[in-house]
Amino acid sequence: MSTEPQLPAEPPRCPRHPDRISYVRCQRCGRPACPECQRPAPVGTHCVDCVREAQRGVRQVRTASGVVIRARRPVVTHTIMALCVIGYLLQLFVPGFSSAFVQANVLLWSEPWRMLTAGFLHDTSNPLPVHLALNMLSLWFLGRALEPVLGHWRFAAVFCVGVVGGSVAQALLTDPLSSGWGASGGIFAIGAALLVELRHDRQALISMAVVLGINLAYGFMIGSNVSWQAHVGGLVTGLVLGGVYASGSQAKQHRGAYHVACTVIVAIVLVAAGMYLGLQARDEFLATYGS
């Protein structure tokens, strides 16, 4: 009686990557999974296809702004910080850079971009970059908390429109010859928007309100070289945008468009107000000092 020689069994291969041999099998479907397709599970390992199939039936958790809660790197926060550092270095080494982009009341009517660019400039009169360091530290802590909640573009909008809001408040509440710079308006806008998001978490809300209150009060202190006007303007702008993003009154399919439209409207109103105040500052300057 003769028997045919048995061929060696084919080694198990990953269905998604047939060129890869794997002896690890998915605990759900039993198929081999290479290291790239393996996903750790409470018991054993699942393949990426089974994980994706299981996630389809899981309801996504969203914030009040409609943003899906998941881990996000604060890339906008890092970008803003990098731009502020670059702007500070340009202020130090490029003659006339500060004067070209600082927020100056009498120039806002013809150069409205200064309302935004001033937010990326800082005080260079001190040998140590204290103004820059304090703002970047605040931005780092607040940005890491708010950017994953709002998402990247909403967070960027809160900061940028908050800077413009701070510039408008400064133009409204200071004399025509005054000027200013710093990211404080945007930072206070971020803090205010975070207050709105934390309104259901009373303990965190109180802590954040205390921090913002202390920083706001510092701007009113005698001898403080801080623009409390920009703080107030940024705070109000952040409350408005934070309220818009967290209102939840619009349908899910239209939520993104609603947020974009409201953000654009707020930005346009602020820019128009800043240009009008700049025109008034110019007229007041000319009436006082002549042409």
Protein backbone atom coordinates (compact mmCIF):
# COMPACT_ATOMS: atom_id res chain seq x y z
CA MET A 1 0.00 0.00 0.00
CA SER A 2 1.55 3.25 -1.11
CA THR A 3 0.84 6.67 0.31
CA GLU A 4 1.40 9.97 -1.39
CA PRO A 5 3.76 12.36 0.44
CA GLN A 6 1.89 15.21 2.11
CA LEU A 7 2.90 18.71 1.08
CA PRO A 8 3.78 21.13 3.86
CA ALA A 9 0.88 23.37 4.85
CA GLU A 10 0.88 26.90 3.45
CA PRO A 11 1.86 29.35 6.20
CA PRO A 12 -0.97 31.72 7.24
CA ARG A 13 -0.90 35.07 5.49
CA CYS A 14 -2.59 38.36 6.27
CA PRO A 15 -5.63 38.83 3.96
CA ARG A 16 -4.88 42.55 3.60
CA HIS A 17 -1.17 41.98 2.98
CA PRO A 18 -0.73 38.55 1.32
CA ASP A 19 3.05 38.93 1.23
CA ARG A 20 3.22 38.90 5.04
CA ILE A 21 3.14 35.72 7.10
CA SER A 22 1.39 35.97 10.45
CA TYR A 23 0.57 33.37 13.08
CA VAL A 24 -1.50 35.82 15.12
CA ARG A 25 -5.22 35.46 14.42
CA CYS A 26 -8.12 37.82 15.08
CA GLN A 27 -10.20 36.71 18.05
CA ARG A 28 -13.43 37.64 16.22
CA CYS A 29 -13.07 36.34 12.66
CA GLY A 30 -10.11 33.97 13.07
CA ARG A 31 -8.19 35.35 10.12
CA PRO A 32 -4.42 35.97 10.33
CA ALA A 33 -3.44 39.61 10.96
CA CYS A 34 -0.01 41.09 10.38
CA PRO A 35 1.37 43.61 12.91
CA GLU A 36 0.05 46.54 10.84
CA CYS A 37 -3.48 45.11 10.86
CA GLN A 38 -3.54 44.04 14.52
CA ARG A 39 -5.51 46.03 17.06
CA PRO A 40 -5.25 45.27 20.79
CA ALA A 41 -8.49 44.17 22.43
CA PRO A 42 -9.51 43.44 26.04
CA VAL A 43 -9.05 39.77 25.16
CA GLY A 44 -6.53 38.87 22.48
CA THR A 45 -6.15 40.80 19.24
CA HIS A 46 -8.66 41.95 16.63
CA CYS A 47 -7.99 42.72 12.99
CA VAL A 48 -8.54 46.19 11.61
CA ASP A 49 -11.59 45.08 9.57
CA CYS A 50 -13.40 43.72 12.63
CA VAL A 51 -12.59 46.86 14.62
CA ARG A 52 -13.97 49.07 11.84
CA GLU A 53 -17.10 46.94 11.59
CA ALA A 54 -17.66 47.14 15.34
CA GLN A 55 -17.23 50.92 15.36
CA ARG A 56 -20.00 51.37 12.79
CA GLY A 57 -22.59 50.44 15.35
CA VAL A 58 -21.15 52.69 18.08
CA ARG A 59 -22.70 56.12 18.41
CA GLN A 60 -20.08 58.86 18.19
CA VAL A 61 -19.88 61.14 21.20
CA ARG A 62 -19.93 64.81 20.26
CA THR A 63 -19.31 68.00 22.15
CA ALA A 64 -21.88 70.78 22.39
CA SER A 65 -20.26 72.25 19.28
CA GLY A 66 -20.98 69.11 17.28
CA VAL A 67 -17.33 68.00 17.14
CA VAL A 68 -16.65 64.27 17.50
CA ILE A 69 -14.65 63.68 20.68
CA ARG A 70 -11.34 62.04 19.85
CA ALA A 71 -7.67 62.61 20.50
CA ARG A 72 -6.41 65.57 18.48
CA ARG A 73 -2.96 67.02 18.42
CA PRO A 74 -3.19 70.77 19.12
CA VAL A 75 -1.60 71.65 15.79
CA VAL A 76 -3.28 75.08 15.61
CA THR A 77 -2.03 75.93 19.10
CA HIS A 78 1.50 74.96 18.09
CA THR A 79 1.22 76.95 14.85
CA ILE A 80 0.06 80.10 16.64
CA MET A 81 2.88 79.78 19.15
CA ALA A 82 5.42 79.33 16.34
CA LEU A 83 4.10 82.39 14.50
CA CYS A 84 4.34 84.47 17.68
CA VAL A 85 7.95 83.39 18.24
CA ILE A 86 8.82 84.11 14.59
CA GLY A 87 7.11 87.50 14.84
CA TYR A 88 9.09 88.31 17.99
CA LEU A 89 12.39 87.46 16.30
CA LEU A 90 11.47 89.58 13.28
CA GLN A 91 10.67 92.46 15.64
CA LEU A 92 14.15 92.15 17.13
CA PHE A 93 16.15 91.87 13.93
CA VAL A 94 14.13 93.52 11.14
CA PRO A 95 13.99 97.32 11.42
CA GLY A 96 10.48 98.73 11.07
CA PHE A 97 8.75 95.35 11.33
CA SER A 98 6.85 96.23 14.50
CA SER A 99 5.65 99.59 13.18
CA ALA A 100 4.41 97.95 9.97
CA PHE A 101 2.11 95.46 11.71
CA VAL A 102 1.31 96.89 15.16
CA GLN A 103 -2.26 97.91 15.98
CA ALA A 104 -2.32 101.72 15.66
CA ASN A 105 -5.69 103.43 16.11
CA VAL A 106 -5.17 106.16 13.52
CA LEU A 107 -4.24 103.62 10.82
CA LEU A 108 -7.01 101.07 11.26
CA TRP A 109 -9.33 102.74 8.76
CA SER A 110 -6.83 102.25 5.90
CA GLU A 111 -4.85 99.23 7.17
CA PRO A 112 -7.41 97.00 8.91
CA TRP A 113 -5.11 93.95 8.85
CA ARG A 114 -3.27 95.49 11.79
CA MET A 115 -6.16 94.39 14.00
CA LEU A 116 -5.03 90.78 13.41
CA THR A 117 -1.29 91.01 12.88
CA ALA A 118 -0.84 92.82 16.20
CA GLY A 119 -1.83 89.58 17.93
CA PHE A 120 1.40 87.94 16.78
CA LEU A 121 3.68 90.75 18.05
CA HIS A 122 4.94 91.27 21.60
CA ASP A 123 6.80 93.78 23.74
CA THR A 124 10.52 93.87 22.95
CA SER A 125 11.52 96.64 25.38
CA ASN A 126 12.44 94.12 28.08
CA PRO A 127 15.73 92.23 27.53
CA LEU A 128 13.88 89.08 28.55
CA PRO A 129 10.83 88.00 26.50
CA VAL A 130 8.54 88.04 29.55
CA HIS A 131 5.47 89.25 27.64
CA LEU A 132 5.90 86.55 24.99
CA ALA A 133 6.64 83.80 27.50
CA LEU A 134 3.59 84.50 29.66
CA ASN A 135 1.26 84.62 26.66
CA MET A 136 2.68 81.44 25.16
CA LEU A 137 2.36 79.62 28.48
CA SER A 138 -1.30 80.65 28.74
CA LEU A 139 -1.93 79.70 25.12
CA TRP A 140 -0.32 76.31 25.66
CA PHE A 141 -2.53 75.37 28.60
CA LEU A 142 -5.77 76.79 27.21
CA GLY A 143 -5.15 75.56 23.66
CA ARG A 144 -4.57 71.96 24.72
CA ALA A 145 -7.90 72.05 26.57
CA LEU A 146 -10.06 73.77 23.95
CA GLU A 147 -8.70 72.75 20.54
CA PRO A 148 -9.67 69.05 20.88
CA VAL A 149 -13.16 70.15 21.94
CA LEU A 150 -13.87 72.74 19.24
CA GLY A 151 -11.82 71.21 16.45
CA HIS A 152 -9.04 72.90 14.55
CA TRP A 153 -10.82 75.53 12.44
CA ARG A 154 -13.19 76.69 15.18
CA PHE A 155 -10.29 77.04 17.59
CA ALA A 156 -8.31 79.05 15.04
CA ALA A 157 -11.36 81.23 14.45
CA VAL A 158 -11.81 81.91 18.17
CA PHE A 159 -8.19 83.03 18.51
CA CYS A 160 -8.02 85.17 15.36
CA VAL A 161 -11.44 86.81 15.75
CA GLY A 162 -10.65 87.27 19.45
CA VAL A 163 -7.49 89.17 18.53
CA VAL A 164 -9.56 91.41 16.24
CA GLY A 165 -12.13 91.90 19.00
CA GLY A 166 -9.38 92.94 21.39
CA SER A 167 -8.04 95.44 18.85
CA VAL A 168 -11.51 96.92 18.34
CA ALA A 169 -11.98 97.32 22.09
CA GLN A 170 -8.60 98.99 22.34
CA ALA A 171 -9.49 101.40 19.52
CA LEU A 172 -12.78 102.18 21.27
CA LEU A 173 -11.40 102.73 24.77
CA THR A 174 -8.02 104.40 24.18
CA ASP A 175 -6.84 107.69 22.71
CA PRO A 176 -6.17 108.10 18.95
CA LEU A 177 -2.39 107.98 19.31
CA SER A 178 -2.28 104.72 21.23
CA SER A 179 -1.10 101.44 19.78
CA GLY A 180 -0.87 97.92 21.05
CA TRP A 181 0.23 94.36 20.40
CA GLY A 182 0.11 90.92 21.94
CA ALA A 183 -1.91 87.71 21.81
CA SER A 184 -3.89 88.56 24.96
CA GLY A 185 -7.14 89.26 23.10
CA GLY A 186 -7.04 85.87 21.41
CA ILE A 187 -6.03 84.10 24.61
CA PHE A 188 -8.91 85.66 26.55
CA ALA A 189 -11.24 84.66 23.71
CA ILE A 190 -10.04 81.06 24.04
CA GLY A 191 -10.57 81.16 27.81
CA ALA A 192 -14.07 82.59 27.40
CA ALA A 193 -15.02 79.96 24.81
CA LEU A 194 -13.70 77.29 27.16
CA LEU A 195 -15.92 78.72 29.90
CA VAL A 196 -18.94 78.18 27.66
CA GLU A 197 -17.90 74.59 26.93
CA LEU A 198 -17.39 73.91 30.64
CA ARG A 199 -20.76 75.29 31.71
CA HIS A 200 -22.05 71.78 32.59
CA ASP A 201 -18.94 70.97 34.65
CA ARG A 202 -19.40 73.33 37.56
CA GLN A 203 -16.11 72.59 39.31
CA ALA A 204 -13.98 73.12 36.20
CA LEU A 205 -16.10 76.16 35.28
CA ILE A 206 -15.42 77.87 38.60
CA SER A 207 -11.68 77.18 38.38
CA MET A 208 -11.45 78.61 34.86
CA ALA A 209 -13.56 81.65 35.81
CA VAL A 210 -11.23 82.38 38.75
CA VAL A 211 -8.14 82.18 36.52
CA LEU A 212 -9.65 84.49 33.90
CA GLY A 213 -10.89 86.87 36.59
CA ILE A 214 -7.44 87.18 38.13
CA ASN A 215 -5.83 87.86 34.75
CA LEU A 216 -8.53 90.36 33.84
CA ALA A 217 -8.15 92.20 37.17
CA TYR A 218 -4.39 92.37 36.69
CA GLY A 219 -4.93 94.47 33.58
CA PHE A 220 -6.73 97.11 35.68
CA MET A 221 -3.98 97.34 38.29
CA ILE A 222 -2.19 100.67 38.61
CA GLY A 223 1.17 100.57 36.93
CA SER A 224 0.36 97.43 34.99
CA ASN A 225 1.66 97.67 31.42
CA VAL A 226 -1.17 95.46 30.16
CA SER A 227 -3.99 96.34 27.78
CA TRP A 228 -7.11 95.58 29.78
CA GLN A 229 -9.11 96.85 26.81
CA ALA A 230 -7.84 94.00 24.63
CA HIS A 231 -8.61 91.54 27.41
CA VAL A 232 -12.20 92.73 27.64
CA GLY A 233 -12.65 92.73 23.86
CA GLY A 234 -11.26 89.22 23.53
CA LEU A 235 -13.35 87.98 26.43
CA VAL A 236 -16.59 89.27 24.93
CA THR A 237 -15.72 87.90 21.48
CA GLY A 238 -14.90 84.49 22.92
CA LEU A 239 -18.20 84.37 24.81
CA VAL A 240 -20.10 85.21 21.62
CA LEU A 241 -18.34 82.62 19.45
CA GLY A 242 -18.35 80.02 22.19
CA GLY A 243 -22.09 80.52 22.60
CA VAL A 244 -22.63 80.16 18.86
CA TYR A 245 -20.61 76.95 18.64
CA ALA A 246 -22.22 75.40 21.72
CA SER A 247 -25.82 76.47 21.07
CA GLY A 248 -26.80 73.16 19.45
CA SER A 249 -30.03 74.70 18.16
CA GLN A 250 -29.28 74.04 14.48
CA ALA A 251 -29.74 70.75 12.63
CA LYS A 252 -26.70 68.48 12.53
CA GLN A 253 -26.42 68.57 8.74
CA HIS A 254 -26.34 72.38 8.77
CA ARG A 255 -24.27 72.88 11.93
CA GLY A 256 -20.95 73.40 10.17
CA ALA A 257 -22.38 75.92 7.69
CA TYR A 258 -24.14 77.74 10.53
CA HIS A 259 -20.90 78.03 12.50
CA VAL A 260 -18.98 79.28 9.45
CA ALA A 261 -21.66 81.87 8.64
CA CYS A 262 -21.81 83.19 12.21
CA THR A 263 -18.03 83.34 12.46
CA VAL A 264 -17.78 85.32 9.22
CA ILE A 265 -20.54 87.71 10.32
CA VAL A 266 -18.86 88.38 13.68
CA ALA A 267 -15.51 88.94 11.96
CA ILE A 268 -17.00 91.34 9.39
CA VAL A 269 -18.82 93.34 12.07
CA LEU A 270 -15.66 93.66 14.13
CA VAL A 271 -13.48 94.68 11.18
CA ALA A 272 -16.07 97.26 10.08
CA ALA A 273 -16.28 98.62 13.63
CA GLY A 274 -12.49 98.80 13.86
CA MET A 275 -12.23 100.69 10.56
CA TYR A 276 -14.93 103.13 11.67
CA LEU A 277 -13.16 103.73 14.98
CA GLY A 278 -9.90 104.16 13.11
CA LEU A 279 -11.49 106.79 10.89
CA GLN A 280 -12.76 108.62 13.97
CA ALA A 281 -9.29 108.42 15.55
CA ARG A 282 -7.73 109.85 12.39
CA ASP A 283 -10.21 112.75 12.28
CA GLU A 284 -9.65 113.47 15.97
CA PHE A 285 -5.90 113.38 15.45
CA LEU A 286 -6.09 115.79 12.49
CA ALA A 287 -8.40 118.14 14.40
CA THR A 288 -5.96 118.23 17.31
CA TYR A 289 -2.59 118.22 15.61
CA GLY A 290 -3.40 119.33 12.07
CA SER A 291 -2.50 117.63 8.81
